[in-house]
Every structure is written in structure tokens, then in C-alpha cells.
């Protein structure tokens, strides 16, 4: 069984929520583009919650 971390992010412009499951969790300079409005924002500053997902 493999456990992966998922982060729930909120876009600072349109306020929609989306999941982020990057391969590395050194979040210092990571950026993500919003799937709804297209704006690029820093992951570290827009985390709502952190969850673990289990895969078999």
C-alpha cells in the first residue's frame, strides 16, 4: 500500500478549490496554474488543507 500526500489549494483570484499532488513536497518556489481562470500562483501561500490518500 502506498500513501501519497494531496494538498487542497484555493485560487487567490477566482476562489475555486483544486487538488495538488506534486511529486516533490519542497514547496518553496512551486507554482500552479488555476484550472478555472488560468492565473499562476504560489502553492505554499494558498494551501487550505493537507490530506493523505492511500493506494493499494
PDB file of N, CA and C in Angstrom:
ATOM      1  N   UNK A   1       0.847  -1.181   0.000  1.00  0.00           N
ATOM      2  CA  UNK A   1       0.000   0.000   0.000  1.00  0.00           C
ATOM      3  C   UNK A   1       0.892   1.243   0.000  1.00  0.00           C
ATOM      4  N   UNK A   2       0.552   2.199  -0.831  1.00  0.00           N
ATOM      5  CA  UNK A   2       1.328   3.423  -0.977  1.00  0.00           C
ATOM      6  C   UNK A   2       0.505   4.600  -0.478  1.00  0.00           C
ATOM      7  N   UNK A   3       1.123   5.471   0.308  1.00  0.00           N
ATOM      8  CA  UNK A   3       0.448   6.655   0.829  1.00  0.00           C
ATOM      9  C   UNK A   3       1.026   7.880   0.141  1.00  0.00           C
ATOM     10  N   UNK A   4       0.160   8.700  -0.459  1.00  0.00           N
ATOM     11  CA  UNK A   4       0.602   9.934  -1.110  1.00  0.00           C
ATOM     12  C   UNK A   4      -0.074  11.122  -0.444  1.00  0.00           C
ATOM     13  N   UNK A   5       0.599  12.250  -0.476  1.00  0.00           N
ATOM     14  CA  UNK A   5       0.035  13.465   0.110  1.00  0.00           C
ATOM     15  C   UNK A   5      -0.656  14.277  -0.965  1.00  0.00           C
ATOM     16  N   UNK A   6      -1.846  14.733  -0.652  1.00  0.00           N
ATOM     17  CA  UNK A   6      -2.569  15.648  -1.531  1.00  0.00           C
ATOM     18  C   UNK A   6      -2.793  16.946  -0.777  1.00  0.00           C
ATOM     19  N   UNK A   7      -2.679  18.047  -1.490  1.00  0.00           N
ATOM     20  CA  UNK A   7      -2.950  19.351  -0.903  1.00  0.00           C
ATOM     21  C   UNK A   7      -4.171  19.938  -1.582  1.00  0.00           C
ATOM     22  N   UNK A   8      -5.006  20.569  -0.810  1.00  0.00           N
ATOM     23  CA  UNK A   8      -6.157  21.269  -1.354  1.00  0.00           C
ATOM     24  C   UNK A   8      -5.795  22.746  -1.400  1.00  0.00           C
ATOM     25  N   UNK A   9      -5.837  23.324  -2.599  1.00  0.00           N
ATOM     26  CA  UNK A   9      -5.447  24.717  -2.805  1.00  0.00           C
ATOM     27  C   UNK A   9      -6.652  25.556  -3.181  1.00  0.00           C
ATOM     28  N   UNK A  10      -6.560  26.854  -2.925  1.00  0.00           N
ATOM     29  CA  UNK A  10      -7.598  27.793  -3.355  1.00  0.00           C
ATOM     30  C   UNK A  10      -6.960  28.870  -4.208  1.00  0.00           C
ATOM     31  N   UNK A  11      -7.553  29.111  -5.372  1.00  0.00           N
ATOM     32  CA  UNK A  11      -7.058  30.149  -6.269  1.00  0.00           C
ATOM     33  C   UNK A  11      -7.305  31.519  -5.637  1.00  0.00           C
ATOM     34  N   UNK A  12      -6.290  32.392  -5.592  1.00  0.00           N
ATOM     35  CA  UNK A  12      -6.469  33.713  -4.989  1.00  0.00           C
ATOM     36  C   UNK A  12      -7.359  34.646  -5.818  1.00  0.00           C
ATOM     37  N   UNK A  13      -7.536  34.350  -7.109  1.00  0.00           N
ATOM     38  CA  UNK A  13      -8.334  35.222  -7.966  1.00  0.00           C
ATOM     39  C   UNK A  13      -9.803  34.798  -7.999  1.00  0.00           C
ATOM     40  N   UNK A  14     -10.080  33.536  -8.390  1.00  0.00           N
ATOM     41  CA  UNK A  14     -11.474  33.105  -8.564  1.00  0.00           C
ATOM     42  C   UNK A  14     -12.007  32.317  -7.370  1.00  0.00           C
ATOM     43  N   UNK A  15     -11.159  32.005  -6.379  1.00  0.00           N
ATOM     44  CA  UNK A  15     -11.529  31.325  -5.128  1.00  0.00           C
ATOM     45  C   UNK A  15     -12.004  29.889  -5.301  1.00  0.00           C
ATOM     46  N   UNK A  16     -11.771  29.275  -6.457  1.00  0.00           N
ATOM     47  CA  UNK A  16     -12.118  27.874  -6.652  1.00  0.00           C
ATOM     48  C   UNK A  16     -11.080  26.979  -5.994  1.00  0.00           C
ATOM     49  N   UNK A  17     -11.496  25.785  -5.585  1.00  0.00           N
ATOM     50  CA  UNK A  17     -10.609  24.828  -4.933  1.00  0.00           C
ATOM     51  C   UNK A  17     -10.138  23.795  -5.941  1.00  0.00           C
ATOM     52  N   UNK A  18      -8.890  23.329  -5.772  1.00  0.00           N
ATOM     53  CA  UNK A  18      -8.350  22.280  -6.625  1.00  0.00           C
ATOM     54  C   UNK A  18      -7.315  21.482  -5.848  1.00  0.00           C
ATOM     55  N   UNK A  19      -7.052  20.272  -6.291  1.00  0.00           N
ATOM     56  CA  UNK A  19      -6.094  19.394  -5.632  1.00  0.00           C
ATOM     57  C   UNK A  19      -4.723  19.552  -6.266  1.00  0.00           C
ATOM     58  N   UNK A  20      -3.685  19.368  -5.440  1.00  0.00           N
ATOM     59  CA  UNK A  20      -2.307  19.402  -5.906  1.00  0.00           C
ATOM     60  C   UNK A  20      -1.585  18.217  -5.293  1.00  0.00           C
ATOM     61  N   UNK A  21      -1.031  17.378  -6.111  1.00  0.00           N
ATOM     62  CA  UNK A  21      -0.284  16.220  -5.635  1.00  0.00           C
ATOM     63  C   UNK A  21       1.056  16.140  -6.320  1.00  0.00           C
ATOM     64  N   UNK A  22       1.892  17.113  -6.093  1.00  0.00           N
ATOM     65  CA  UNK A  22       3.189  17.154  -6.743  1.00  0.00           C
ATOM     66  C   UNK A  22       4.086  16.001  -6.322  1.00  0.00           C
ATOM     67  N   UNK A  23       5.068  15.703  -7.137  1.00  0.00           N
ATOM     68  CA  UNK A  23       5.979  14.591  -6.856  1.00  0.00           C
ATOM     69  C   UNK A  23       6.940  14.937  -5.727  1.00  0.00           C
ATOM     70  N   UNK A  24       7.284  16.183  -5.618  1.00  0.00           N
ATOM     71  CA  UNK A  24       8.160  16.623  -4.537  1.00  0.00           C
ATOM     72  C   UNK A  24       7.399  17.611  -3.664  1.00  0.00           C
ATOM     73  N   UNK A  25       7.684  17.581  -2.381  1.00  0.00           N
ATOM     74  CA  UNK A  25       6.951  18.464  -1.481  1.00  0.00           C
ATOM     75  C   UNK A  25       7.848  19.531  -0.876  1.00  0.00           C
ATOM     76  N   UNK A  26       8.839  19.948  -1.628  1.00  0.00           N
ATOM     77  CA  UNK A  26       9.610  21.129  -1.274  1.00  0.00           C
ATOM     78  C   UNK A  26       8.890  22.287  -1.950  1.00  0.00           C
ATOM     79  N   UNK A  27       8.026  22.955  -1.224  1.00  0.00           N
ATOM     80  CA  UNK A  27       7.080  23.893  -1.815  1.00  0.00           C
ATOM     81  C   UNK A  27       7.570  25.332  -1.875  1.00  0.00           C
ATOM     82  N   UNK A  28       8.835  25.562  -1.658  1.00  0.00           N
ATOM     83  CA  UNK A  28       9.353  26.916  -1.616  1.00  0.00           C
ATOM     84  C   UNK A  28       9.039  27.762  -2.834  1.00  0.00           C
ATOM     85  N   UNK A  29       9.307  27.259  -4.023  1.00  0.00           N
ATOM     86  CA  UNK A  29       9.131  28.048  -5.245  1.00  0.00           C
ATOM     87  C   UNK A  29       8.128  27.440  -6.207  1.00  0.00           C
ATOM     88  N   UNK A  30       7.348  26.461  -5.770  1.00  0.00           N
ATOM     89  CA  UNK A  30       6.412  25.784  -6.671  1.00  0.00           C
ATOM     90  C   UNK A  30       5.237  26.691  -7.012  1.00  0.00           C
ATOM     91  N   UNK A  31       4.802  26.618  -8.265  1.00  0.00           N
ATOM     92  CA  UNK A  31       3.672  27.398  -8.743  1.00  0.00           C
ATOM     93  C   UNK A  31       2.699  26.467  -9.439  1.00  0.00           C
ATOM     94  N   UNK A  32       1.436  26.825  -9.429  1.00  0.00           N
ATOM     95  CA  UNK A  32       0.409  26.049 -10.106  1.00  0.00           C
ATOM     96  C   UNK A  32      -0.489  27.006 -10.863  1.00  0.00           C
ATOM     97  N   UNK A  33      -0.921  26.580 -12.032  1.00  0.00           N
ATOM     98  CA  UNK A  33      -1.873  27.369 -12.812  1.00  0.00           C
ATOM     99  C   UNK A  33      -3.280  26.913 -12.449  1.00  0.00           C
ATOM    100  N   UNK A  34      -4.173  27.847 -12.236  1.00  0.00           N
ATOM    101  CA  UNK A  34      -5.561  27.539 -11.911  1.00  0.00           C
ATOM    102  C   UNK A  34      -6.226  26.885 -13.122  1.00  0.00           C
ATOM    103  N   UNK A  35      -6.951  25.797 -12.884  1.00  0.00           N
ATOM    104  CA  UNK A  35      -7.617  25.097 -13.982  1.00  0.00           C
ATOM    105  C   UNK A  35      -8.891  25.819 -14.423  1.00  0.00           C
ATOM    106  N   UNK A  36      -9.352  26.794 -13.649  1.00  0.00           N
ATOM    107  CA  UNK A  36     -10.578  27.522 -13.969  1.00  0.00           C
ATOM    108  C   UNK A  36     -10.310  28.854 -14.663  1.00  0.00           C
ATOM    109  N   UNK A  37      -9.401  29.675 -14.095  1.00  0.00           N
ATOM    110  CA  UNK A  37      -9.178  31.009 -14.670  1.00  0.00           C
ATOM    111  C   UNK A  37      -7.802  31.171 -15.316  1.00  0.00           C
ATOM    112  N   UNK A  38      -6.867  30.241 -15.088  1.00  0.00           N
ATOM    113  CA  UNK A  38      -5.573  30.266 -15.757  1.00  0.00           C
ATOM    114  C   UNK A  38      -4.481  31.057 -15.060  1.00  0.00           C
ATOM    115  N   UNK A  39      -4.764  31.736 -13.969  1.00  0.00           N
ATOM    116  CA  UNK A  39      -3.747  32.503 -13.259  1.00  0.00           C
ATOM    117  C   UNK A  39      -2.751  31.549 -12.600  1.00  0.00           C
ATOM    118  N   UNK A  40      -1.489  31.933 -12.548  1.00  0.00           N
ATOM    119  CA  UNK A  40      -0.452  31.145 -11.905  1.00  0.00           C
ATOM    120  C   UNK A  40      -0.204  31.727 -10.512  1.00  0.00           C
ATOM    121  N   UNK A  41      -0.151  30.850  -9.502  1.00  0.00           N
ATOM    122  CA  UNK A  41       0.026  31.326  -8.122  1.00  0.00           C
ATOM    123  C   UNK A  41       0.943  30.387  -7.364  1.00  0.00           C
ATOM    124  N   UNK A  42       1.492  30.861  -6.239  1.00  0.00           N
ATOM    125  CA  UNK A  42       2.393  30.065  -5.416  1.00  0.00           C
ATOM    126  C   UNK A  42       1.587  29.055  -4.599  1.00  0.00           C
ATOM    127  N   UNK A  43       2.054  27.814  -4.611  1.00  0.00           N
ATOM    128  CA  UNK A  43       1.359  26.734  -3.907  1.00  0.00           C
ATOM    129  C   UNK A  43       1.404  26.953  -2.398  1.00  0.00           C
ATOM    130  N   UNK A  44       2.573  27.286  -1.871  1.00  0.00           N
ATOM    131  CA  UNK A  44       2.781  27.383  -0.421  1.00  0.00           C
ATOM    132  C   UNK A  44       1.856  28.405   0.243  1.00  0.00           C
ATOM    133  N   UNK A  45       1.546  29.484  -0.441  1.00  0.00           N
ATOM    134  CA  UNK A  45       0.742  30.561   0.153  1.00  0.00           C
ATOM    135  C   UNK A  45      -0.762  30.314   0.062  1.00  0.00           C
ATOM    136  N   UNK A  46      -1.201  29.286  -0.667  1.00  0.00           N
ATOM    137  CA  UNK A  46      -2.624  29.086  -0.922  1.00  0.00           C
ATOM    138  C   UNK A  46      -3.128  27.701  -0.532  1.00  0.00           C
ATOM    139  N   UNK A  47      -2.484  27.067   0.456  1.00  0.00           N
ATOM    140  CA  UNK A  47      -2.907  25.749   0.927  1.00  0.00           C
ATOM    141  C   UNK A  47      -4.082  25.907   1.882  1.00  0.00           C
ATOM    142  N   UNK A  48      -5.158  25.144   1.628  1.00  0.00           N
ATOM    143  CA  UNK A  48      -6.312  25.129   2.526  1.00  0.00           C
ATOM    144  C   UNK A  48      -6.163  24.005   3.535  1.00  0.00           C
ATOM    145  N   UNK A  49      -5.901  22.782   3.057  1.00  0.00           N
ATOM    146  CA  UNK A  49      -5.714  21.653   3.948  1.00  0.00           C
ATOM    147  C   UNK A  49      -4.818  20.607   3.295  1.00  0.00           C
ATOM    148  N   UNK A  50      -4.313  19.718   4.125  1.00  0.00           N
ATOM    149  CA  UNK A  50      -3.429  18.651   3.666  1.00  0.00           C
ATOM    150  C   UNK A  50      -4.084  17.319   3.989  1.00  0.00           C
ATOM    151  N   UNK A  51      -4.085  16.402   3.042  1.00  0.00           N
ATOM    152  CA  UNK A  51      -4.718  15.102   3.232  1.00  0.00           C
ATOM    153  C   UNK A  51      -3.785  14.005   2.750  1.00  0.00           C
ATOM    154  N   UNK A  52      -4.016  12.801   3.250  1.00  0.00           N
ATOM    155  CA  UNK A  52      -3.252  11.642   2.789  1.00  0.00           C
ATOM    156  C   UNK A  52      -4.205  10.728   2.049  1.00  0.00           C
ATOM    157  N   UNK A  53      -3.747  10.188   0.939  1.00  0.00           N
ATOM    158  CA  UNK A  53      -4.547   9.273   0.148  1.00  0.00           C
ATOM    159  C   UNK A  53      -3.820   7.954   0.062  1.00  0.00           C
ATOM    160  N   UNK A  54      -4.527   6.865   0.289  1.00  0.00           N
ATOM    161  CA  UNK A  54      -3.913   5.545   0.268  1.00  0.00           C
ATOM    162  C   UNK A  54      -4.264   4.838  -1.033  1.00  0.00           C
ATOM    163  N   UNK A  55      -3.249   4.216  -1.632  1.00  0.00           N
ATOM    164  CA  UNK A  55      -3.447   3.433  -2.845  1.00  0.00           C
ATOM    165  C   UNK A  55      -2.988   2.011  -2.556  1.00  0.00           C
ATOM    166  N   UNK A  56      -3.678   1.062  -3.117  1.00  0.00           N
ATOM    167  CA  UNK A  56      -3.301  -0.332  -2.904  1.00  0.00           C
ATOM    168  C   UNK A  56      -2.516  -0.866  -4.057  1.00  0.00           C
TER     169      UNK A  56
END
